[in-house]
């Protein structure tokens, strides 16, 4: 798995490329903690994180678990976590796991960037 990062004024986009498996989830988690200080809370200067799944090949339960954990952390910190370009296979997994409504999902990164408020 690879991660490309795009930083904007009020957001960071993480483009997830390849297989988001257990190893990828650990890599992403470590990157978020060590480089962006996202742990139990989200830093004040990081109001919006966007995960772009346009180039994802597959996702494991570890990847889904990390996303769910991050969503709880962002909710607790009153920050916005958005998912974009969710492939049909991942949408199906989220529906089956009854998690589709837990996440803020947009068609593309531009639409997610335009949203500036948590929960809007």
PDB file of N, CA and C in Angstrom:
ATOM      1  N   UNK A   1       0.836  -1.175   0.000  1.00  0.00           N
ATOM      2  CA  UNK A   1       0.000   0.000   0.000  1.00  0.00           C
ATOM      3  C   UNK A   1       0.882   1.240   0.000  1.00  0.00           C
ATOM      4  N   UNK A   2       0.456   2.228  -0.735  1.00  0.00           N
ATOM      5  CA  UNK A   2       1.126   3.524  -0.756  1.00  0.00           C
ATOM      6  C   UNK A   2       0.139   4.581  -0.300  1.00  0.00           C
ATOM      7  N   UNK A   3       0.676   5.679   0.205  1.00  0.00           N
ATOM      8  CA  UNK A   3      -0.153   6.803   0.612  1.00  0.00           C
ATOM      9  C   UNK A   3       0.457   8.070   0.046  1.00  0.00           C
ATOM     10  N   UNK A   4      -0.306   8.778  -0.772  1.00  0.00           N
ATOM     11  CA  UNK A   4       0.076  10.107  -1.214  1.00  0.00           C
ATOM     12  C   UNK A   4      -0.660  11.105  -0.341  1.00  0.00           C
ATOM     13  N   UNK A   5       0.012  12.182   0.007  1.00  0.00           N
ATOM     14  CA  UNK A   5      -0.572  13.189   0.878  1.00  0.00           C
ATOM     15  C   UNK A   5      -0.633  14.529   0.156  1.00  0.00           C
ATOM     16  N   UNK A   6      -1.786  15.169   0.235  1.00  0.00           N
ATOM     17  CA  UNK A   6      -1.979  16.503  -0.335  1.00  0.00           C
ATOM     18  C   UNK A   6      -2.453  17.400   0.803  1.00  0.00           C
ATOM     19  N   UNK A   7      -1.689  18.453   1.093  1.00  0.00           N
ATOM     20  CA  UNK A   7      -2.041  19.367   2.175  1.00  0.00           C
ATOM     21  C   UNK A   7      -2.638  20.641   1.605  1.00  0.00           C
ATOM     22  N   UNK A   8      -3.762  21.044   2.185  1.00  0.00           N
ATOM     23  CA  UNK A   8      -4.398  22.310   1.848  1.00  0.00           C
ATOM     24  C   UNK A   8      -4.402  23.205   3.074  1.00  0.00           C
ATOM     25  N   UNK A   9      -5.058  24.337   2.966  1.00  0.00           N
ATOM     26  CA  UNK A   9      -5.107  25.276   4.085  1.00  0.00           C
ATOM     27  C   UNK A   9      -5.824  24.701   5.300  1.00  0.00           C
ATOM     28  N   UNK A  10      -6.953  24.034   5.073  1.00  0.00           N
ATOM     29  CA  UNK A  10      -7.761  23.524   6.180  1.00  0.00           C
ATOM     30  C   UNK A  10      -8.017  22.028   6.092  1.00  0.00           C
ATOM     31  N   UNK A  11      -7.229  21.323   5.338  1.00  0.00           N
ATOM     32  CA  UNK A  11      -7.462  19.891   5.149  1.00  0.00           C
ATOM     33  C   UNK A  11      -6.184  19.170   4.744  1.00  0.00           C
ATOM     34  N   UNK A  12      -6.233  17.862   4.884  1.00  0.00           N
ATOM     35  CA  UNK A  12      -5.197  16.960   4.364  1.00  0.00           C
ATOM     36  C   UNK A  12      -5.925  15.828   3.659  1.00  0.00           C
ATOM     37  N   UNK A  13      -5.475  15.499   2.457  1.00  0.00           N
ATOM     38  CA  UNK A  13      -6.018  14.377   1.705  1.00  0.00           C
ATOM     39  C   UNK A  13      -4.981  13.260   1.722  1.00  0.00           C
ATOM     40  N   UNK A  14      -5.428  12.066   2.108  1.00  0.00           N
ATOM     41  CA  UNK A  14      -4.592  10.873   2.029  1.00  0.00           C
ATOM     42  C   UNK A  14      -5.145  10.013   0.907  1.00  0.00           C
ATOM     43  N   UNK A  15      -4.374   9.869  -0.158  1.00  0.00           N
ATOM     44  CA  UNK A  15      -4.770   8.996  -1.261  1.00  0.00           C
ATOM     45  C   UNK A  15      -4.239   7.605  -0.954  1.00  0.00           C
ATOM     46  N   UNK A  16      -5.147   6.663  -0.770  1.00  0.00           N
ATOM     47  CA  UNK A  16      -4.783   5.280  -0.449  1.00  0.00           C
ATOM     48  C   UNK A  16      -4.658   4.509  -1.758  1.00  0.00           C
ATOM     49  N   UNK A  17      -3.497   3.907  -1.984  1.00  0.00           N
ATOM     50  CA  UNK A  17      -3.219   3.209  -3.239  1.00  0.00           C
ATOM     51  C   UNK A  17      -2.846   1.757  -2.929  1.00  0.00           C
ATOM     52  N   UNK A  18      -3.563   0.831  -3.532  1.00  0.00           N
ATOM     53  CA  UNK A  18      -3.241  -0.589  -3.374  1.00  0.00           C
ATOM     54  C   UNK A  18      -4.152  -1.291  -2.391  1.00  0.00           C
ATOM     55  N   UNK A  19      -3.588  -2.230  -1.647  1.00  0.00           N
ATOM     56  CA  UNK A  19      -4.350  -3.064  -0.712  1.00  0.00           C
ATOM     57  C   UNK A  19      -4.281  -2.481   0.697  1.00  0.00           C
ATOM     58  N   UNK A  20      -5.427  -2.133   1.231  1.00  0.00           N
ATOM     59  CA  UNK A  20      -5.521  -1.583   2.577  1.00  0.00           C
ATOM     60  C   UNK A  20      -5.773  -2.746   3.527  1.00  0.00           C
ATOM     61  N   UNK A  21      -4.724  -3.506   3.789  1.00  0.00           N
ATOM     62  CA  UNK A  21      -4.810  -4.702   4.618  1.00  0.00           C
ATOM     63  C   UNK A  21      -4.258  -4.411   6.015  1.00  0.00           C
ATOM     64  N   UNK A  22      -3.988  -5.454   6.775  1.00  0.00           N
ATOM     65  CA  UNK A  22      -3.499  -5.277   8.144  1.00  0.00           C
ATOM     66  C   UNK A  22      -2.187  -4.493   8.166  1.00  0.00           C
ATOM     67  N   UNK A  23      -1.277  -4.836   7.298  1.00  0.00           N
ATOM     68  CA  UNK A  23       0.010  -4.139   7.233  1.00  0.00           C
ATOM     69  C   UNK A  23      -0.196  -2.674   6.832  1.00  0.00           C
ATOM     70  N   UNK A  24      -1.068  -2.424   5.860  1.00  0.00           N
ATOM     71  CA  UNK A  24      -1.365  -1.066   5.432  1.00  0.00           C
ATOM     72  C   UNK A  24      -2.026  -0.249   6.525  1.00  0.00           C
ATOM     73  N   UNK A  25      -2.922  -0.887   7.283  1.00  0.00           N
ATOM     74  CA  UNK A  25      -3.599  -0.200   8.381  1.00  0.00           C
ATOM     75  C   UNK A  25      -2.592   0.206   9.460  1.00  0.00           C
ATOM     76  N   UNK A  26      -1.657  -0.662   9.769  1.00  0.00           N
ATOM     77  CA  UNK A  26      -0.627  -0.336  10.761  1.00  0.00           C
ATOM     78  C   UNK A  26       0.267   0.797  10.250  1.00  0.00           C
ATOM     79  N   UNK A  27       0.621   0.744   8.977  1.00  0.00           N
ATOM     80  CA  UNK A  27       1.446   1.795   8.373  1.00  0.00           C
ATOM     81  C   UNK A  27       0.725   3.149   8.449  1.00  0.00           C
ATOM     82  N   UNK A  28      -0.549   3.172   8.079  1.00  0.00           N
ATOM     83  CA  UNK A  28      -1.318   4.408   8.118  1.00  0.00           C
ATOM     84  C   UNK A  28      -1.471   4.904   9.550  1.00  0.00           C
ATOM     85  N   UNK A  29      -1.777   4.019  10.451  1.00  0.00           N
ATOM     86  CA  UNK A  29      -1.938   4.416  11.855  1.00  0.00           C
ATOM     87  C   UNK A  29      -0.664   5.049  12.392  1.00  0.00           C
ATOM     88  N   UNK A  30       0.476   4.421  12.121  1.00  0.00           N
ATOM     89  CA  UNK A  30       1.758   4.961  12.577  1.00  0.00           C
ATOM     90  C   UNK A  30       2.045   6.320  11.944  1.00  0.00           C
ATOM     91  N   UNK A  31       1.717   6.467  10.670  1.00  0.00           N
ATOM     92  CA  UNK A  31       1.915   7.739   9.968  1.00  0.00           C
ATOM     93  C   UNK A  31       1.052   8.827  10.613  1.00  0.00           C
ATOM     94  N   UNK A  32      -0.200   8.517  10.903  1.00  0.00           N
ATOM     95  CA  UNK A  32      -1.097   9.493  11.510  1.00  0.00           C
ATOM     96  C   UNK A  32      -0.621   9.912  12.896  1.00  0.00           C
ATOM     97  N   UNK A  33      -0.149   8.958  13.668  1.00  0.00           N
ATOM     98  CA  UNK A  33       0.331   9.252  15.025  1.00  0.00           C
ATOM     99  C   UNK A  33       1.647  10.024  14.987  1.00  0.00           C
ATOM    100  N   UNK A  34       2.618   9.525  14.234  1.00  0.00           N
ATOM    101  CA  UNK A  34       3.966  10.098  14.264  1.00  0.00           C
ATOM    102  C   UNK A  34       4.104  11.402  13.486  1.00  0.00           C
ATOM    103  N   UNK A  35       3.438  11.513  12.342  1.00  0.00           N
ATOM    104  CA  UNK A  35       3.604  12.703  11.515  1.00  0.00           C
ATOM    105  C   UNK A  35       2.537  13.764  11.752  1.00  0.00           C
ATOM    106  N   UNK A  36       1.331  13.340  12.133  1.00  0.00           N
ATOM    107  CA  UNK A  36       0.217  14.280  12.257  1.00  0.00           C
ATOM    108  C   UNK A  36      -0.351  14.371  13.671  1.00  0.00           C
ATOM    109  N   UNK A  37       0.214  13.601  14.600  1.00  0.00           N
ATOM    110  CA  UNK A  37      -0.156  13.630  16.015  1.00  0.00           C
ATOM    111  C   UNK A  37      -1.643  13.345  16.242  1.00  0.00           C
ATOM    112  N   UNK A  38      -2.192  12.465  15.405  1.00  0.00           N
ATOM    113  CA  UNK A  38      -3.571  12.025  15.583  1.00  0.00           C
ATOM    114  C   UNK A  38      -3.521  10.732  16.396  1.00  0.00           C
ATOM    115  N   UNK A  39      -3.896  10.829  17.642  1.00  0.00           N
ATOM    116  CA  UNK A  39      -3.902   9.671  18.528  1.00  0.00           C
ATOM    117  C   UNK A  39      -5.262   9.563  19.182  1.00  0.00           C
ATOM    118  N   UNK A  40      -5.313   9.887  20.470  1.00  0.00           N
ATOM    119  CA  UNK A  40      -6.582   9.896  21.196  1.00  0.00           C
ATOM    120  C   UNK A  40      -7.435  11.103  20.802  1.00  0.00           C
ATOM    121  N   UNK A  41      -6.765  12.148  20.322  1.00  0.00           N
ATOM    122  CA  UNK A  41      -7.447  13.363  19.885  1.00  0.00           C
ATOM    123  C   UNK A  41      -6.852  13.823  18.565  1.00  0.00           C
ATOM    124  N   UNK A  42      -7.546  14.733  17.912  1.00  0.00           N
ATOM    125  CA  UNK A  42      -7.079  15.309  16.658  1.00  0.00           C
ATOM    126  C   UNK A  42      -6.561  16.710  16.971  1.00  0.00           C
ATOM    127  N   UNK A  43      -5.348  17.052  16.494  1.00  0.00           N
ATOM    128  CA  UNK A  43      -4.809  18.390  16.777  1.00  0.00           C
ATOM    129  C   UNK A  43      -5.750  19.506  16.311  1.00  0.00           C
ATOM    130  N   UNK A  44      -5.719  20.606  17.027  1.00  0.00           N
ATOM    131  CA  UNK A  44      -6.591  21.747  16.743  1.00  0.00           C
ATOM    132  C   UNK A  44      -6.397  22.286  15.327  1.00  0.00           C
ATOM    133  N   UNK A  45      -5.168  22.235  14.832  1.00  0.00           N
ATOM    134  CA  UNK A  45      -4.868  22.808  13.511  1.00  0.00           C
ATOM    135  C   UNK A  45      -5.173  21.845  12.355  1.00  0.00           C
ATOM    136  N   UNK A  46      -5.873  20.777  12.640  1.00  0.00           N
ATOM    137  CA  UNK A  46      -6.204  19.784  11.617  1.00  0.00           C
ATOM    138  C   UNK A  46      -7.717  19.550  11.597  1.00  0.00           C
ATOM    139  N   UNK A  47      -8.482  20.486  11.005  1.00  0.00           N
ATOM    140  CA  UNK A  47      -9.941  20.386  11.095  1.00  0.00           C
ATOM    141  C   UNK A  47     -10.584  19.350  10.177  1.00  0.00           C
ATOM    142  N   UNK A  48      -9.886  18.928   9.094  1.00  0.00           N
ATOM    143  CA  UNK A  48     -10.535  18.051   8.115  1.00  0.00           C
ATOM    144  C   UNK A  48      -9.506  17.114   7.488  1.00  0.00           C
ATOM    145  N   UNK A  49      -9.756  15.824   7.616  1.00  0.00           N
ATOM    146  CA  UNK A  49      -8.929  14.798   6.969  1.00  0.00           C
ATOM    147  C   UNK A  49      -9.813  14.056   5.983  1.00  0.00           C
ATOM    148  N   UNK A  50      -9.282  13.882   4.773  1.00  0.00           N
ATOM    149  CA  UNK A  50     -10.024  13.228   3.696  1.00  0.00           C
ATOM    150  C   UNK A  50      -9.236  12.010   3.242  1.00  0.00           C
ATOM    151  N   UNK A  51      -9.906  10.871   3.184  1.00  0.00           N
ATOM    152  CA  UNK A  51      -9.305   9.662   2.633  1.00  0.00           C
ATOM    153  C   UNK A  51      -9.887   9.439   1.247  1.00  0.00           C
ATOM    154  N   UNK A  52      -9.017   9.429   0.250  1.00  0.00           N
ATOM    155  CA  UNK A  52      -9.417   9.241  -1.148  1.00  0.00           C
ATOM    156  C   UNK A  52      -9.118   7.792  -1.532  1.00  0.00           C
ATOM    157  N   UNK A  53     -10.167   7.042  -1.847  1.00  0.00           N
ATOM    158  CA  UNK A  53     -10.024   5.630  -2.170  1.00  0.00           C
ATOM    159  C   UNK A  53     -10.128   5.339  -3.669  1.00  0.00           C
ATOM    160  N   UNK A  54      -9.871   6.324  -4.506  1.00  0.00           N
ATOM    161  CA  UNK A  54      -9.977   6.153  -5.959  1.00  0.00           C
ATOM    162  C   UNK A  54      -9.055   5.052  -6.485  1.00  0.00           C
ATOM    163  N   UNK A  55      -7.922   4.825  -5.807  1.00  0.00           N
ATOM    164  CA  UNK A  55      -6.943   3.862  -6.303  1.00  0.00           C
ATOM    165  C   UNK A  55      -6.771   2.655  -5.382  1.00  0.00           C
ATOM    166  N   UNK A  56      -7.770   2.398  -4.543  1.00  0.00           N
ATOM    167  CA  UNK A  56      -7.682   1.251  -3.640  1.00  0.00           C
ATOM    168  C   UNK A  56      -8.027  -0.026  -4.410  1.00  0.00           C
ATOM    169  N   UNK A  57      -7.333  -1.096  -4.091  1.00  0.00           N
ATOM    170  CA  UNK A  57      -7.604  -2.387  -4.734  1.00  0.00           C
ATOM    171  C   UNK A  57      -8.465  -3.269  -3.847  1.00  0.00           C
ATOM    172  N   UNK A  58      -8.176  -3.255  -2.552  1.00  0.00           N
ATOM    173  CA  UNK A  58      -8.968  -4.044  -1.608  1.00  0.00           C
ATOM    174  C   UNK A  58      -8.790  -3.459  -0.210  1.00  0.00           C
ATOM    175  N   UNK A  59      -9.707  -3.854   0.674  1.00  0.00           N
ATOM    176  CA  UNK A  59      -9.616  -3.416   2.070  1.00  0.00           C
ATOM    177  C   UNK A  59      -9.957  -4.606   2.952  1.00  0.00           C
ATOM    178  N   UNK A  60      -9.207  -4.757   4.036  1.00  0.00           N
ATOM    179  CA  UNK A  60      -9.445  -5.850   4.971  1.00  0.00           C
ATOM    180  C   UNK A  60     -10.209  -5.331   6.187  1.00  0.00           C
ATOM    181  N   UNK A  61     -10.552  -6.239   7.072  1.00  0.00           N
ATOM    182  CA  UNK A  61     -11.239  -5.847   8.302  1.00  0.00           C
ATOM    183  C   UNK A  61     -10.353  -4.925   9.143  1.00  0.00           C
ATOM    184  N   UNK A  62      -9.037  -5.065   9.039  1.00  0.00           N
ATOM    185  CA  UNK A  62      -8.125  -4.176   9.768  1.00  0.00           C
ATOM    186  C   UNK A  62      -8.243  -2.743   9.259  1.00  0.00           C
ATOM    187  N   UNK A  63      -8.352  -2.579   7.956  1.00  0.00           N
ATOM    188  CA  UNK A  63      -8.524  -1.259   7.369  1.00  0.00           C
ATOM    189  C   UNK A  63      -9.837  -0.636   7.787  1.00  0.00           C
ATOM    190  N   UNK A  64     -10.897  -1.424   7.746  1.00  0.00           N
ATOM    191  CA  UNK A  64     -12.217  -0.933   8.156  1.00  0.00           C
ATOM    192  C   UNK A  64     -12.217  -0.591   9.645  1.00  0.00           C
ATOM    193  N   UNK A  65     -11.584  -1.423  10.438  1.00  0.00           N
ATOM    194  CA  UNK A  65     -11.488  -1.163  11.874  1.00  0.00           C
ATOM    195  C   UNK A  65     -10.743   0.132  12.169  1.00  0.00           C
ATOM    196  N   UNK A  66      -9.660   0.395  11.437  1.00  0.00           N
ATOM    197  CA  UNK A  66      -8.918   1.635  11.629  1.00  0.00           C
ATOM    198  C   UNK A  66      -9.792   2.836  11.259  1.00  0.00           C
ATOM    199  N   UNK A  67     -10.501   2.749  10.147  1.00  0.00           N
ATOM    200  CA  UNK A  67     -11.376   3.849   9.744  1.00  0.00           C
ATOM    201  C   UNK A  67     -12.449   4.122  10.804  1.00  0.00           C
ATOM    202  N   UNK A  68     -13.054   3.070  11.344  1.00  0.00           N
ATOM    203  CA  UNK A  68     -14.082   3.232  12.379  1.00  0.00           C
ATOM    204  C   UNK A  68     -13.493   3.869  13.637  1.00  0.00           C
ATOM    205  N   UNK A  69     -12.312   3.440  14.019  1.00  0.00           N
ATOM    206  CA  UNK A  69     -11.642   4.004  15.185  1.00  0.00           C
ATOM    207  C   UNK A  69     -11.308   5.478  14.955  1.00  0.00           C
ATOM    208  N   UNK A  70     -10.818   5.803  13.770  1.00  0.00           N
ATOM    209  CA  UNK A  70     -10.518   7.194  13.442  1.00  0.00           C
ATOM    210  C   UNK A  70     -11.780   8.043  13.466  1.00  0.00           C
ATOM    211  N   UNK A  71     -12.887   7.494  12.972  1.00  0.00           N
ATOM    212  CA  UNK A  71     -14.141   8.252  12.962  1.00  0.00           C
ATOM    213  C   UNK A  71     -14.561   8.606  14.382  1.00  0.00           C
ATOM    214  N   UNK A  72     -14.434   7.670  15.310  1.00  0.00           N
ATOM    215  CA  UNK A  72     -14.764   7.944  16.717  1.00  0.00           C
ATOM    216  C   UNK A  72     -13.870   9.061  17.272  1.00  0.00           C
ATOM    217  N   UNK A  73     -12.574   8.982  16.964  1.00  0.00           N
ATOM    218  CA  UNK A  73     -11.627   9.996  17.438  1.00  0.00           C
ATOM    219  C   UNK A  73     -11.974  11.370  16.873  1.00  0.00           C
ATOM    220  N   UNK A  74     -12.287  11.429  15.579  1.00  0.00           N
ATOM    221  CA  UNK A  74     -12.636  12.701  14.952  1.00  0.00           C
ATOM    222  C   UNK A  74     -13.945  13.247  15.527  1.00  0.00           C
ATOM    223  N   UNK A  75     -14.923  12.389  15.745  1.00  0.00           N
ATOM    224  CA  UNK A  75     -16.187  12.830  16.340  1.00  0.00           C
ATOM    225  C   UNK A  75     -15.956  13.425  17.725  1.00  0.00           C
ATOM    226  N   UNK A  76     -15.153  12.737  18.523  1.00  0.00           N
ATOM    227  CA  UNK A  76     -14.855  13.183  19.884  1.00  0.00           C
ATOM    228  C   UNK A  76     -14.141  14.543  19.879  1.00  0.00           C
ATOM    229  N   UNK A  77     -13.300  14.781  18.871  1.00  0.00           N
ATOM    230  CA  UNK A  77     -12.545  16.030  18.764  1.00  0.00           C
ATOM    231  C   UNK A  77     -13.299  17.105  17.980  1.00  0.00           C
ATOM    232  N   UNK A  78     -14.530  16.794  17.555  1.00  0.00           N
ATOM    233  CA  UNK A  78     -15.347  17.704  16.757  1.00  0.00           C
ATOM    234  C   UNK A  78     -14.623  18.137  15.473  1.00  0.00           C
ATOM    235  N   UNK A  79     -13.990  17.184  14.823  1.00  0.00           N
ATOM    236  CA  UNK A  79     -13.283  17.396  13.561  1.00  0.00           C
ATOM    237  C   UNK A  79     -13.958  16.551  12.491  1.00  0.00           C
ATOM    238  N   UNK A  80     -13.662  16.850  11.233  1.00  0.00           N
ATOM    239  CA  UNK A  80     -14.325  16.177  10.123  1.00  0.00           C
ATOM    240  C   UNK A  80     -13.400  15.158   9.460  1.00  0.00           C
ATOM    241  N   UNK A  81     -13.881  13.940   9.344  1.00  0.00           N
ATOM    242  CA  UNK A  81     -13.216  12.876   8.597  1.00  0.00           C
ATOM    243  C   UNK A  81     -14.136  12.526   7.437  1.00  0.00           C
ATOM    244  N   UNK A  82     -13.602  12.582   6.222  1.00  0.00           N
ATOM    245  CA  UNK A  82     -14.403  12.302   5.033  1.00  0.00           C
ATOM    246  C   UNK A  82     -13.768  11.188   4.215  1.00  0.00           C
ATOM    247  N   UNK A  83     -14.614  10.402   3.574  1.00  0.00           N
ATOM    248  CA  UNK A  83     -14.165   9.363   2.650  1.00  0.00           C
ATOM    249  C   UNK A  83     -14.658   9.741   1.262  1.00  0.00           C
ATOM    250  N   UNK A  84     -13.809   9.546   0.248  1.00  0.00           N
ATOM    251  CA  UNK A  84     -14.204   9.855  -1.124  1.00  0.00           C
ATOM    252  C   UNK A  84     -13.863   8.708  -2.063  1.00  0.00           C
ATOM    253  N   UNK A  85     -14.565   8.699  -3.186  1.00  0.00           N
ATOM    254  CA  UNK A  85     -14.332   7.717  -4.252  1.00  0.00           C
ATOM    255  C   UNK A  85     -14.370   6.285  -3.712  1.00  0.00           C
ATOM    256  N   UNK A  86     -15.397   5.991  -2.926  1.00  0.00           N
ATOM    257  CA  UNK A  86     -15.547   4.662  -2.331  1.00  0.00           C
ATOM    258  C   UNK A  86     -15.950   3.680  -3.426  1.00  0.00           C
ATOM    259  N   UNK A  87     -15.119   2.660  -3.696  1.00  0.00           N
ATOM    260  CA  UNK A  87     -15.514   1.683  -4.706  1.00  0.00           C
ATOM    261  C   UNK A  87     -16.731   0.875  -4.246  1.00  0.00           C
ATOM    262  N   UNK A  88     -17.451   0.354  -5.213  1.00  0.00           N
ATOM    263  CA  UNK A  88     -18.672  -0.408  -4.934  1.00  0.00           C
ATOM    264  C   UNK A  88     -18.420  -1.541  -3.936  1.00  0.00           C
ATOM    265  N   UNK A  89     -17.307  -2.241  -4.070  1.00  0.00           N
ATOM    266  CA  UNK A  89     -17.020  -3.364  -3.166  1.00  0.00           C
ATOM    267  C   UNK A  89     -16.885  -2.891  -1.719  1.00  0.00           C
ATOM    268  N   UNK A  90     -16.258  -1.738  -1.500  1.00  0.00           N
ATOM    269  CA  UNK A  90     -16.122  -1.211  -0.144  1.00  0.00           C
ATOM    270  C   UNK A  90     -17.478  -0.713   0.370  1.00  0.00           C
ATOM    271  N   UNK A  91     -18.273  -0.118  -0.487  1.00  0.00           N
ATOM    272  CA  UNK A  91     -19.620   0.304  -0.082  1.00  0.00           C
ATOM    273  C   UNK A  91     -20.427  -0.895   0.398  1.00  0.00           C
ATOM    274  N   UNK A  92     -20.322  -2.010  -0.320  1.00  0.00           N
ATOM    275  CA  UNK A  92     -21.049  -3.223   0.061  1.00  0.00           C
ATOM    276  C   UNK A  92     -20.599  -3.720   1.428  1.00  0.00           C
ATOM    277  N   UNK A  93     -19.298  -3.714   1.671  1.00  0.00           N
ATOM    278  CA  UNK A  93     -18.765  -4.161   2.965  1.00  0.00           C
ATOM    279  C   UNK A  93     -19.283  -3.262   4.080  1.00  0.00           C
ATOM    280  N   UNK A  94     -19.264  -1.947   3.858  1.00  0.00           N
ATOM    281  CA  UNK A  94     -19.748  -1.013   4.872  1.00  0.00           C
ATOM    282  C   UNK A  94     -21.234  -1.193   5.135  1.00  0.00           C
ATOM    283  N   UNK A  95     -21.996  -1.496   4.084  1.00  0.00           N
ATOM    284  CA  UNK A  95     -23.438  -1.750   4.270  1.00  0.00           C
ATOM    285  C   UNK A  95     -23.675  -3.006   5.094  1.00  0.00           C
ATOM    286  N   UNK A  96     -22.987  -4.092   4.739  1.00  0.00           N
ATOM    287  CA  UNK A  96     -23.149  -5.367   5.447  1.00  0.00           C
ATOM    288  C   UNK A  96     -22.755  -5.219   6.916  1.00  0.00           C
ATOM    289  N   UNK A  97     -21.695  -4.445   7.161  1.00  0.00           N
ATOM    290  CA  UNK A  97     -21.224  -4.239   8.536  1.00  0.00           C
ATOM    291  C   UNK A  97     -22.027  -3.159   9.254  1.00  0.00           C
ATOM    292  N   UNK A  98     -23.052  -2.612   8.582  1.00  0.00           N
ATOM    293  CA  UNK A  98     -23.893  -1.558   9.134  1.00  0.00           C
ATOM    294  C   UNK A  98     -23.082  -0.325   9.537  1.00  0.00           C
ATOM    295  N   UNK A  99     -22.076   0.013   8.714  1.00  0.00           N
ATOM    296  CA  UNK A  99     -21.205   1.156   8.987  1.00  0.00           C
ATOM    297  C   UNK A  99     -21.348   2.279   7.958  1.00  0.00           C
ATOM    298  N   UNK A 100     -22.146   2.086   6.928  1.00  0.00           N
ATOM    299  CA  UNK A 100     -22.239   3.069   5.852  1.00  0.00           C
ATOM    300  C   UNK A 100     -22.673   4.437   6.379  1.00  0.00           C
ATOM    301  N   UNK A 101     -23.562   4.473   7.357  1.00  0.00           N
ATOM    302  CA  UNK A 101     -24.029   5.739   7.907  1.00  0.00           C
ATOM    303  C   UNK A 101     -23.100   6.366   8.925  1.00  0.00           C
ATOM    304  N   UNK A 102     -22.068   5.646   9.326  1.00  0.00           N
ATOM    305  CA  UNK A 102     -21.121   6.143  10.318  1.00  0.00           C
ATOM    306  C   UNK A 102     -20.181   7.182   9.702  1.00  0.00           C
ATOM    307  N   UNK A 103     -19.897   7.026   8.412  1.00  0.00           N
ATOM    308  CA  UNK A 103     -18.908   7.864   7.737  1.00  0.00           C
ATOM    309  C   UNK A 103     -19.563   8.956   6.897  1.00  0.00           C
ATOM    310  N   UNK A 104     -18.851  10.064   6.757  1.00  0.00           N
ATOM    311  CA  UNK A 104     -19.246  11.124   5.838  1.00  0.00           C
ATOM    312  C   UNK A 104     -18.579  10.798   4.508  1.00  0.00           C
ATOM    313  N   UNK A 105     -19.395  10.516   3.492  1.00  0.00           N
ATOM    314  CA  UNK A 105     -18.872  10.035   2.208  1.00  0.00           C
ATOM    315  C   UNK A 105     -19.247  11.022   1.109  1.00  0.00           C
ATOM    316  N   UNK A 106     -18.255  11.327   0.270  1.00  0.00           N
ATOM    317  CA  UNK A 106     -18.449  12.228  -0.866  1.00  0.00           C
ATOM    318  C   UNK A 106     -18.050  11.540  -2.154  1.00  0.00           C
ATOM    319  N   UNK A 107     -18.565  12.054  -3.267  1.00  0.00           N
ATOM    320  CA  UNK A 107     -18.245  11.488  -4.581  1.00  0.00           C
ATOM    321  C   UNK A 107     -16.794  11.709  -4.953  1.00  0.00           C
ATOM    322  N   UNK A 108     -16.238  12.872  -4.570  1.00  0.00           N
ATOM    323  CA  UNK A 108     -14.857  13.181  -4.939  1.00  0.00           C
ATOM    324  C   UNK A 108     -14.232  14.109  -3.900  1.00  0.00           C
ATOM    325  N   UNK A 109     -12.944  14.326  -4.039  1.00  0.00           N
ATOM    326  CA  UNK A 109     -12.186  15.136  -3.084  1.00  0.00           C
ATOM    327  C   UNK A 109     -12.675  16.582  -3.092  1.00  0.00           C
ATOM    328  N   UNK A 110     -12.959  17.112  -4.262  1.00  0.00           N
ATOM    329  CA  UNK A 110     -13.403  18.506  -4.367  1.00  0.00           C
ATOM    330  C   UNK A 110     -14.686  18.747  -3.562  1.00  0.00           C
ATOM    331  N   UNK A 111     -15.607  17.813  -3.640  1.00  0.00           N
ATOM    332  CA  UNK A 111     -16.857  17.918  -2.884  1.00  0.00           C
ATOM    333  C   UNK A 111     -16.578  17.877  -1.382  1.00  0.00           C
ATOM    334  N   UNK A 112     -15.653  17.020  -0.968  1.00  0.00           N
ATOM    335  CA  UNK A 112     -15.305  16.919   0.457  1.00  0.00           C
ATOM    336  C   UNK A 112     -14.633  18.201   0.946  1.00  0.00           C
ATOM    337  N   UNK A 113     -13.750  18.773   0.131  1.00  0.00           N
ATOM    338  CA  UNK A 113     -13.065  20.007   0.514  1.00  0.00           C
ATOM    339  C   UNK A 113     -14.055  21.147   0.694  1.00  0.00           C
ATOM    340  N   UNK A 114     -15.088  21.187  -0.129  1.00  0.00           N
ATOM    341  CA  UNK A 114     -16.090  22.242  -0.056  1.00  0.00           C
ATOM    342  C   UNK A 114     -16.866  22.208   1.248  1.00  0.00           C
ATOM    343  N   UNK A 115     -16.918  21.046   1.918  1.00  0.00           N
ATOM    344  CA  UNK A 115     -17.616  20.918   3.193  1.00  0.00           C
ATOM    345  C   UNK A 115     -16.660  21.312   4.298  1.00  0.00           C
ATOM    346  N   UNK A 116     -17.003  22.334   5.060  1.00  0.00           N
ATOM    347  CA  UNK A 116     -16.088  22.865   6.059  1.00  0.00           C
ATOM    348  C   UNK A 116     -16.506  22.616   7.506  1.00  0.00           C
ATOM    349  N   UNK A 117     -17.660  22.030   7.723  1.00  0.00           N
ATOM    350  CA  UNK A 117     -18.154  21.842   9.083  1.00  0.00           C
ATOM    351  C   UNK A 117     -18.314  20.358   9.415  1.00  0.00           C
ATOM    352  N   UNK A 118     -17.866  19.937  10.599  1.00  0.00           N
ATOM    353  CA  UNK A 118     -18.144  18.566  11.021  1.00  0.00           C
ATOM    354  C   UNK A 118     -19.643  18.307  11.034  1.00  0.00           C
ATOM    355  N   UNK A 119     -20.026  17.198  10.432  1.00  0.00           N
ATOM    356  CA  UNK A 119     -21.418  16.791  10.448  1.00  0.00           C
ATOM    357  C   UNK A 119     -22.310  17.492   9.448  1.00  0.00           C
ATOM    358  N   UNK A 120     -21.749  18.387   8.607  1.00  0.00           N
ATOM    359  CA  UNK A 120     -22.632  19.056   7.625  1.00  0.00           C
ATOM    360  C   UNK A 120     -22.645  18.355   6.289  1.00  0.00           C
TER     361      UNK A 120
END
